[in-house]
Amino acid sequence: MKNLFLTAALLLAPLAASAQTAGLLERANRVELPGLKLMSGEPVATAPMALKSGTYYILEIESDGSAELALEGAGFFRAIWVNEVVINDIEIRPLGLDSFEFDDEGKIELSFIAIKPGAYSLSVPGSTGDSQRVEIVIE
């Protein structure tokens, strides 16, 4: 009899656990990150970002149009799962990313799940200054 109760408990445990958890993409699980700004001669970010693997994030990247600027970070983009990129209310669900380039002013909203722990960066191509990059650590 004791084994029967133990077997029943083991079979029902996954059902009870799934009833209490929400999906990763649920609105309640989203974390909005401080936005990144692309402006000629200005810092991209005010501080490094610390992300947690398995967490769903929203990141807004904005350009003021003062110069043609881009952000590249292939290593970072390979360490995340991109849900969507929203540009001018157009939702794009890419298989992969390497960079974003702004020819004019505008905003991009990137939603993603951090996957692979490590240290990464997003930077303005060709720049060498620390203020032209944002360091990102996924724990």
N, C-alpha and C. Protein backbone atom coordinates (compact mmCIF):
# COMPACT_ATOMS: atom_id res chain seq x y z
N MET A 1 0.83 -1.19 0.00
CA MET A 1 0.00 0.00 0.00
C MET A 1 0.87 1.25 0.00
N LYS A 2 1.93 1.20 0.79
CA LYS A 2 2.84 2.34 0.88
C LYS A 2 3.44 2.63 -0.49
N ASN A 3 3.81 1.58 -1.22
CA ASN A 3 4.38 1.75 -2.55
C ASN A 3 3.37 2.34 -3.54
N LEU A 4 2.11 1.99 -3.36
CA LEU A 4 1.06 2.52 -4.23
C LEU A 4 0.93 4.04 -4.05
N PHE A 5 0.95 4.52 -2.81
CA PHE A 5 0.87 5.96 -2.55
C PHE A 5 2.11 6.68 -3.09
N LEU A 6 3.26 6.08 -2.92
CA LEU A 6 4.51 6.67 -3.41
C LEU A 6 4.47 6.76 -4.93
N THR A 7 4.03 5.72 -5.58
CA THR A 7 3.93 5.73 -7.05
C THR A 7 2.95 6.79 -7.52
N ALA A 8 1.81 6.90 -6.87
CA ALA A 8 0.81 7.91 -7.23
C ALA A 8 1.38 9.31 -7.04
N ALA A 9 2.09 9.53 -5.95
CA ALA A 9 2.68 10.85 -5.68
C ALA A 9 3.72 11.20 -6.73
N LEU A 10 4.54 10.24 -7.13
CA LEU A 10 5.55 10.49 -8.15
C LEU A 10 4.92 10.78 -9.51
N LEU A 11 3.83 10.13 -9.82
CA LEU A 11 3.15 10.36 -11.10
C LEU A 11 2.44 11.71 -11.13
N LEU A 12 1.93 12.16 -10.00
CA LEU A 12 1.19 13.42 -9.96
C LEU A 12 2.08 14.65 -9.75
N ALA A 13 3.28 14.46 -9.26
CA ALA A 13 4.18 15.58 -8.98
C ALA A 13 4.42 16.48 -10.20
N PRO A 14 4.70 15.93 -11.39
CA PRO A 14 4.91 16.82 -12.54
C PRO A 14 3.67 17.64 -12.88
N LEU A 15 2.49 17.07 -12.69
CA LEU A 15 1.25 17.81 -12.98
C LEU A 15 1.07 18.97 -12.02
N ALA A 16 1.38 18.76 -10.76
CA ALA A 16 1.24 19.82 -9.76
C ALA A 16 2.25 20.93 -10.02
N ALA A 17 3.46 20.56 -10.39
CA ALA A 17 4.50 21.57 -10.65
C ALA A 17 4.14 22.41 -11.86
N SER A 18 3.65 21.79 -12.93
CA SER A 18 3.32 22.55 -14.13
C SER A 18 2.10 23.45 -13.92
N ALA A 19 1.22 23.10 -13.03
CA ALA A 19 0.05 23.93 -12.76
C ALA A 19 0.43 25.21 -12.03
N GLN A 20 1.58 25.24 -11.38
CA GLN A 20 1.98 26.40 -10.59
C GLN A 20 2.94 27.32 -11.34
N THR A 21 3.49 26.90 -12.45
CA THR A 21 4.47 27.72 -13.15
C THR A 21 3.89 28.32 -14.41
N ALA A 22 4.35 29.50 -14.75
CA ALA A 22 3.94 30.16 -15.98
C ALA A 22 5.02 29.96 -17.03
N GLY A 23 4.67 30.12 -18.28
CA GLY A 23 5.65 30.00 -19.35
C GLY A 23 6.68 31.13 -19.29
N LEU A 24 7.85 30.89 -19.86
CA LEU A 24 8.91 31.89 -19.85
C LEU A 24 8.50 33.20 -20.49
N LEU A 25 7.64 33.14 -21.50
CA LEU A 25 7.27 34.35 -22.23
C LEU A 25 6.05 35.07 -21.65
N GLU A 26 5.54 34.59 -20.54
CA GLU A 26 4.40 35.24 -19.90
C GLU A 26 4.77 36.66 -19.49
N ARG A 27 3.84 37.56 -19.59
CA ARG A 27 4.07 38.98 -19.25
C ARG A 27 4.63 39.14 -17.83
N ALA A 28 4.20 38.31 -16.93
CA ALA A 28 4.66 38.41 -15.53
C ALA A 28 6.14 38.07 -15.38
N ASN A 29 6.72 37.36 -16.35
CA ASN A 29 8.13 36.97 -16.26
C ASN A 29 9.07 37.94 -16.95
N ARG A 30 8.57 38.99 -17.57
CA ARG A 30 9.40 39.92 -18.33
C ARG A 30 10.15 40.88 -17.41
N VAL A 31 11.39 41.14 -17.79
CA VAL A 31 12.21 42.13 -17.09
C VAL A 31 12.63 43.17 -18.12
N GLU A 32 12.30 44.44 -17.85
CA GLU A 32 12.71 45.52 -18.76
C GLU A 32 14.07 46.03 -18.35
N LEU A 33 15.00 46.01 -19.29
CA LEU A 33 16.36 46.49 -19.04
C LEU A 33 16.44 48.00 -19.30
N PRO A 34 17.42 48.67 -18.69
CA PRO A 34 17.64 50.08 -19.03
C PRO A 34 17.97 50.17 -20.52
N GLY A 35 17.41 51.14 -21.20
CA GLY A 35 17.60 51.27 -22.64
C GLY A 35 19.02 51.67 -23.02
N LEU A 36 19.37 51.38 -24.28
CA LEU A 36 20.64 51.79 -24.84
C LEU A 36 20.39 52.94 -25.80
N LYS A 37 21.31 53.90 -25.83
CA LYS A 37 21.13 55.09 -26.69
C LYS A 37 22.32 55.21 -27.63
N LEU A 38 22.01 55.43 -28.90
CA LEU A 38 23.04 55.68 -29.90
C LEU A 38 22.97 57.14 -30.30
N MET A 39 23.96 57.92 -29.82
CA MET A 39 24.05 59.34 -30.12
C MET A 39 25.51 59.67 -30.36
N SER A 40 25.77 60.46 -31.35
CA SER A 40 27.14 60.83 -31.70
C SER A 40 27.88 61.41 -30.49
N GLY A 41 28.98 60.78 -30.11
CA GLY A 41 29.81 61.28 -29.01
C GLY A 41 29.29 61.02 -27.62
N GLU A 42 28.19 60.32 -27.47
CA GLU A 42 27.61 60.05 -26.15
C GLU A 42 27.77 58.57 -25.79
N PRO A 43 27.80 58.24 -24.49
CA PRO A 43 27.90 56.83 -24.08
C PRO A 43 26.68 56.02 -24.50
N VAL A 44 26.91 54.77 -24.83
CA VAL A 44 25.82 53.85 -25.22
C VAL A 44 24.97 53.49 -24.00
N ALA A 45 25.63 53.26 -22.87
CA ALA A 45 24.91 52.85 -21.64
C ALA A 45 25.56 53.52 -20.44
N THR A 46 24.80 53.58 -19.37
CA THR A 46 25.32 54.20 -18.14
C THR A 46 26.01 53.19 -17.23
N ALA A 47 25.75 51.90 -17.45
CA ALA A 47 26.33 50.86 -16.58
C ALA A 47 26.31 49.52 -17.31
N PRO A 48 27.16 48.59 -16.89
CA PRO A 48 27.10 47.23 -17.46
C PRO A 48 25.76 46.58 -17.10
N MET A 49 25.43 45.52 -17.82
CA MET A 49 24.19 44.78 -17.56
C MET A 49 24.51 43.41 -16.99
N ALA A 50 23.79 43.02 -15.95
CA ALA A 50 23.90 41.68 -15.38
C ALA A 50 22.58 40.96 -15.63
N LEU A 51 22.63 39.89 -16.41
CA LEU A 51 21.44 39.13 -16.77
C LEU A 51 21.50 37.75 -16.14
N LYS A 52 20.36 37.13 -16.01
CA LYS A 52 20.27 35.79 -15.43
C LYS A 52 19.80 34.82 -16.51
N SER A 53 20.52 33.76 -16.69
CA SER A 53 20.16 32.75 -17.68
C SER A 53 18.76 32.21 -17.39
N GLY A 54 17.95 32.09 -18.44
CA GLY A 54 16.59 31.60 -18.30
C GLY A 54 15.56 32.67 -18.04
N THR A 55 15.99 33.93 -18.00
CA THR A 55 15.06 35.04 -17.76
C THR A 55 14.73 35.73 -19.08
N TYR A 56 13.48 36.20 -19.17
CA TYR A 56 12.98 36.87 -20.37
C TYR A 56 13.17 38.38 -20.21
N TYR A 57 13.83 39.00 -21.18
CA TYR A 57 14.17 40.43 -21.11
C TYR A 57 13.61 41.21 -22.29
N ILE A 58 13.37 42.50 -22.04
CA ILE A 58 13.01 43.47 -23.07
C ILE A 58 14.09 44.55 -23.04
N LEU A 59 14.68 44.83 -24.21
CA LEU A 59 15.72 45.85 -24.31
C LEU A 59 15.35 46.81 -25.44
N GLU A 60 15.27 48.10 -25.12
CA GLU A 60 15.00 49.11 -26.13
C GLU A 60 16.30 49.79 -26.51
N ILE A 61 16.53 49.88 -27.82
CA ILE A 61 17.71 50.55 -28.36
C ILE A 61 17.19 51.73 -29.18
N GLU A 62 17.70 52.92 -28.87
CA GLU A 62 17.20 54.13 -29.52
C GLU A 62 18.35 54.93 -30.11
N SER A 63 18.13 55.46 -31.32
CA SER A 63 19.09 56.35 -31.96
C SER A 63 18.44 57.72 -32.14
N ASP A 64 19.22 58.77 -31.90
CA ASP A 64 18.68 60.12 -32.09
C ASP A 64 18.90 60.62 -33.52
N GLY A 65 19.56 59.84 -34.36
CA GLY A 65 19.77 60.21 -35.75
C GLY A 65 20.90 61.19 -35.98
N SER A 66 21.70 61.50 -34.95
CA SER A 66 22.78 62.46 -35.09
C SER A 66 23.93 61.93 -35.95
N ALA A 67 23.98 60.62 -36.13
CA ALA A 67 24.99 59.99 -36.99
C ALA A 67 24.48 58.60 -37.36
N GLU A 68 25.05 58.05 -38.41
CA GLU A 68 24.73 56.68 -38.79
C GLU A 68 25.52 55.77 -37.85
N LEU A 69 24.81 55.10 -36.94
CA LEU A 69 25.47 54.30 -35.91
C LEU A 69 24.89 52.90 -35.85
N ALA A 70 25.72 51.97 -35.41
CA ALA A 70 25.30 50.58 -35.30
C ALA A 70 25.75 50.01 -33.97
N LEU A 71 25.18 48.89 -33.60
CA LEU A 71 25.62 48.09 -32.46
C LEU A 71 25.84 46.69 -32.97
N GLU A 72 27.01 46.14 -32.68
CA GLU A 72 27.28 44.77 -33.08
C GLU A 72 27.65 43.94 -31.86
N GLY A 73 27.39 42.67 -31.93
CA GLY A 73 27.69 41.80 -30.80
C GLY A 73 27.29 40.37 -31.11
N ALA A 74 27.94 39.78 -32.11
CA ALA A 74 27.58 38.42 -32.53
C ALA A 74 27.66 37.42 -31.37
N GLY A 75 28.65 37.56 -30.51
CA GLY A 75 28.77 36.64 -29.37
C GLY A 75 27.57 36.72 -28.45
N PHE A 76 27.13 37.94 -28.17
CA PHE A 76 25.95 38.12 -27.32
C PHE A 76 24.71 37.54 -28.00
N PHE A 77 24.53 37.84 -29.28
CA PHE A 77 23.35 37.36 -29.98
C PHE A 77 23.31 35.83 -30.09
N ARG A 78 24.46 35.18 -30.03
CA ARG A 78 24.50 33.72 -30.04
C ARG A 78 24.22 33.13 -28.65
N ALA A 79 24.30 33.97 -27.62
CA ALA A 79 24.10 33.51 -26.25
C ALA A 79 22.66 33.72 -25.77
N ILE A 80 21.80 34.23 -26.65
CA ILE A 80 20.41 34.48 -26.28
C ILE A 80 19.49 33.82 -27.30
N TRP A 81 18.24 33.62 -26.89
CA TRP A 81 17.20 33.21 -27.84
C TRP A 81 16.34 34.43 -28.08
N VAL A 82 16.28 34.88 -29.33
CA VAL A 82 15.54 36.09 -29.68
C VAL A 82 14.08 35.72 -29.93
N ASN A 83 13.19 36.32 -29.16
CA ASN A 83 11.77 36.14 -29.38
C ASN A 83 11.32 37.00 -30.55
N GLU A 84 11.60 38.30 -30.46
CA GLU A 84 11.24 39.19 -31.56
C GLU A 84 12.00 40.50 -31.49
N VAL A 85 12.06 41.16 -32.64
CA VAL A 85 12.60 42.50 -32.77
C VAL A 85 11.45 43.34 -33.32
N VAL A 86 11.13 44.44 -32.64
CA VAL A 86 10.03 45.29 -33.08
C VAL A 86 10.62 46.61 -33.58
N ILE A 87 10.33 46.94 -34.84
CA ILE A 87 10.78 48.18 -35.46
C ILE A 87 9.56 48.84 -36.07
N ASN A 88 9.24 50.06 -35.64
CA ASN A 88 8.07 50.78 -36.15
C ASN A 88 6.80 49.92 -36.11
N ASP A 89 6.57 49.28 -35.01
CA ASP A 89 5.39 48.43 -34.80
C ASP A 89 5.34 47.21 -35.73
N ILE A 90 6.47 46.88 -36.36
CA ILE A 90 6.57 45.67 -37.18
C ILE A 90 7.35 44.65 -36.37
N GLU A 91 6.74 43.49 -36.13
CA GLU A 91 7.37 42.44 -35.33
C GLU A 91 8.12 41.48 -36.24
N ILE A 92 9.40 41.29 -35.94
CA ILE A 92 10.27 40.42 -36.72
C ILE A 92 10.74 39.30 -35.79
N ARG A 93 10.66 38.08 -36.24
CA ARG A 93 11.12 36.93 -35.46
C ARG A 93 12.27 36.25 -36.21
N PRO A 94 13.49 36.76 -36.00
CA PRO A 94 14.64 36.27 -36.75
C PRO A 94 15.20 34.96 -36.20
N LEU A 95 15.91 34.24 -37.05
CA LEU A 95 16.62 33.05 -36.61
C LEU A 95 17.95 33.41 -35.97
N GLY A 96 18.47 34.57 -36.27
CA GLY A 96 19.73 35.01 -35.69
C GLY A 96 20.00 36.47 -36.00
N LEU A 97 20.89 37.07 -35.23
CA LEU A 97 21.27 38.47 -35.41
C LEU A 97 22.77 38.61 -35.30
N ASP A 98 23.29 39.66 -35.90
CA ASP A 98 24.69 40.00 -35.77
C ASP A 98 24.85 41.44 -35.29
N SER A 99 23.96 42.33 -35.82
CA SER A 99 24.06 43.74 -35.47
C SER A 99 22.77 44.47 -35.84
N PHE A 100 22.68 45.71 -35.35
CA PHE A 100 21.61 46.64 -35.72
C PHE A 100 22.30 47.90 -36.23
N GLU A 101 21.79 48.49 -37.29
CA GLU A 101 22.33 49.75 -37.77
C GLU A 101 21.20 50.75 -37.97
N PHE A 102 21.41 51.96 -37.46
CA PHE A 102 20.45 53.04 -37.59
C PHE A 102 20.99 54.05 -38.59
N ASP A 103 20.29 54.28 -39.68
CA ASP A 103 20.65 55.32 -40.63
C ASP A 103 19.99 56.64 -40.25
N ASP A 104 18.98 56.58 -39.43
CA ASP A 104 18.22 57.75 -39.02
C ASP A 104 17.74 57.50 -37.59
N GLU A 105 17.00 58.45 -37.03
CA GLU A 105 16.49 58.25 -35.68
C GLU A 105 15.44 57.13 -35.67
N GLY A 106 15.33 56.47 -34.55
CA GLY A 106 14.35 55.41 -34.42
C GLY A 106 14.59 54.56 -33.20
N LYS A 107 13.71 53.59 -33.02
CA LYS A 107 13.78 52.68 -31.86
C LYS A 107 13.63 51.24 -32.32
N ILE A 108 14.32 50.37 -31.60
CA ILE A 108 14.18 48.93 -31.77
C ILE A 108 13.88 48.37 -30.39
N GLU A 109 12.93 47.47 -30.31
CA GLU A 109 12.67 46.76 -29.07
C GLU A 109 13.02 45.30 -29.30
N LEU A 110 13.96 44.81 -28.52
CA LEU A 110 14.44 43.43 -28.62
C LEU A 110 13.92 42.66 -27.42
N SER A 111 13.21 41.56 -27.67
CA SER A 111 12.80 40.71 -26.55
C SER A 111 13.51 39.37 -26.71
N PHE A 112 14.06 38.87 -25.60
CA PHE A 112 14.90 37.68 -25.68
C PHE A 112 14.97 36.97 -24.34
N ILE A 113 15.43 35.73 -24.39
CA ILE A 113 15.73 34.96 -23.18
C ILE A 113 17.23 34.74 -23.15
N ALA A 114 17.86 35.14 -22.05
CA ALA A 114 19.29 34.91 -21.87
C ALA A 114 19.51 33.41 -21.67
N ILE A 115 20.46 32.84 -22.40
CA ILE A 115 20.66 31.39 -22.36
C ILE A 115 22.04 31.00 -21.83
N LYS A 116 23.08 31.43 -22.51
CA LYS A 116 24.44 30.93 -22.26
C LYS A 116 25.22 31.87 -21.33
N PRO A 117 25.57 31.40 -20.14
CA PRO A 117 26.36 32.25 -19.23
C PRO A 117 27.71 32.63 -19.83
N GLY A 118 28.13 33.85 -19.51
CA GLY A 118 29.42 34.34 -19.99
C GLY A 118 29.44 35.85 -20.01
N ALA A 119 30.57 36.41 -20.47
CA ALA A 119 30.74 37.86 -20.58
C ALA A 119 30.70 38.24 -22.06
N TYR A 120 29.89 39.23 -22.39
CA TYR A 120 29.66 39.64 -23.76
C TYR A 120 29.64 41.16 -23.83
N SER A 121 29.54 41.69 -25.05
CA SER A 121 29.39 43.14 -25.20
C SER A 121 28.63 43.44 -26.48
N LEU A 122 28.02 44.61 -26.49
CA LEU A 122 27.46 45.22 -27.69
C LEU A 122 28.26 46.50 -27.86
N SER A 123 28.77 46.74 -29.07
CA SER A 123 29.61 47.92 -29.26
C SER A 123 29.36 48.56 -30.62
N VAL A 124 29.73 49.83 -30.70
CA VAL A 124 29.66 50.57 -31.96
C VAL A 124 30.86 50.10 -32.79
N PRO A 125 30.62 49.57 -34.00
CA PRO A 125 31.72 49.05 -34.82
C PRO A 125 32.78 50.11 -35.10
N GLY A 126 34.03 49.69 -35.00
CA GLY A 126 35.15 50.59 -35.29
C GLY A 126 35.53 51.52 -34.16
N SER A 127 34.78 51.53 -33.08
CA SER A 127 35.10 52.41 -31.95
C SER A 127 36.00 51.68 -30.97
N THR A 128 36.78 52.44 -30.23
CA THR A 128 37.67 51.84 -29.25
C THR A 128 37.38 52.32 -27.83
N GLY A 129 36.58 53.34 -27.68
CA GLY A 129 36.29 53.90 -26.36
C GLY A 129 35.35 53.01 -25.56
N ASP A 130 35.59 52.96 -24.25
CA ASP A 130 34.74 52.16 -23.36
C ASP A 130 33.30 52.64 -23.34
N SER A 131 33.08 53.93 -23.59
CA SER A 131 31.72 54.46 -23.54
C SER A 131 30.91 54.07 -24.78
N GLN A 132 31.58 53.52 -25.79
CA GLN A 132 30.91 53.13 -27.02
C GLN A 132 30.55 51.65 -27.03
N ARG A 133 30.46 51.09 -25.85
CA ARG A 133 30.10 49.68 -25.70
C ARG A 133 29.36 49.48 -24.39
N VAL A 134 28.63 48.40 -24.31
CA VAL A 134 28.01 48.02 -23.05
C VAL A 134 28.43 46.58 -22.76
N GLU A 135 28.94 46.38 -21.58
CA GLU A 135 29.34 45.05 -21.14
C GLU A 135 28.12 44.33 -20.59
N ILE A 136 27.98 43.05 -20.96
CA ILE A 136 26.82 42.26 -20.54
C ILE A 136 27.33 40.94 -19.98
N VAL A 137 26.91 40.62 -18.78
CA VAL A 137 27.27 39.33 -18.16
C VAL A 137 25.98 38.54 -17.96
N ILE A 138 25.99 37.32 -18.47
CA ILE A 138 24.88 36.40 -18.24
C ILE A 138 25.35 35.39 -17.19
N GLU A 139 24.64 35.37 -16.08
CA GLU A 139 25.01 34.45 -14.97
C GLU A 139 24.16 33.20 -15.03
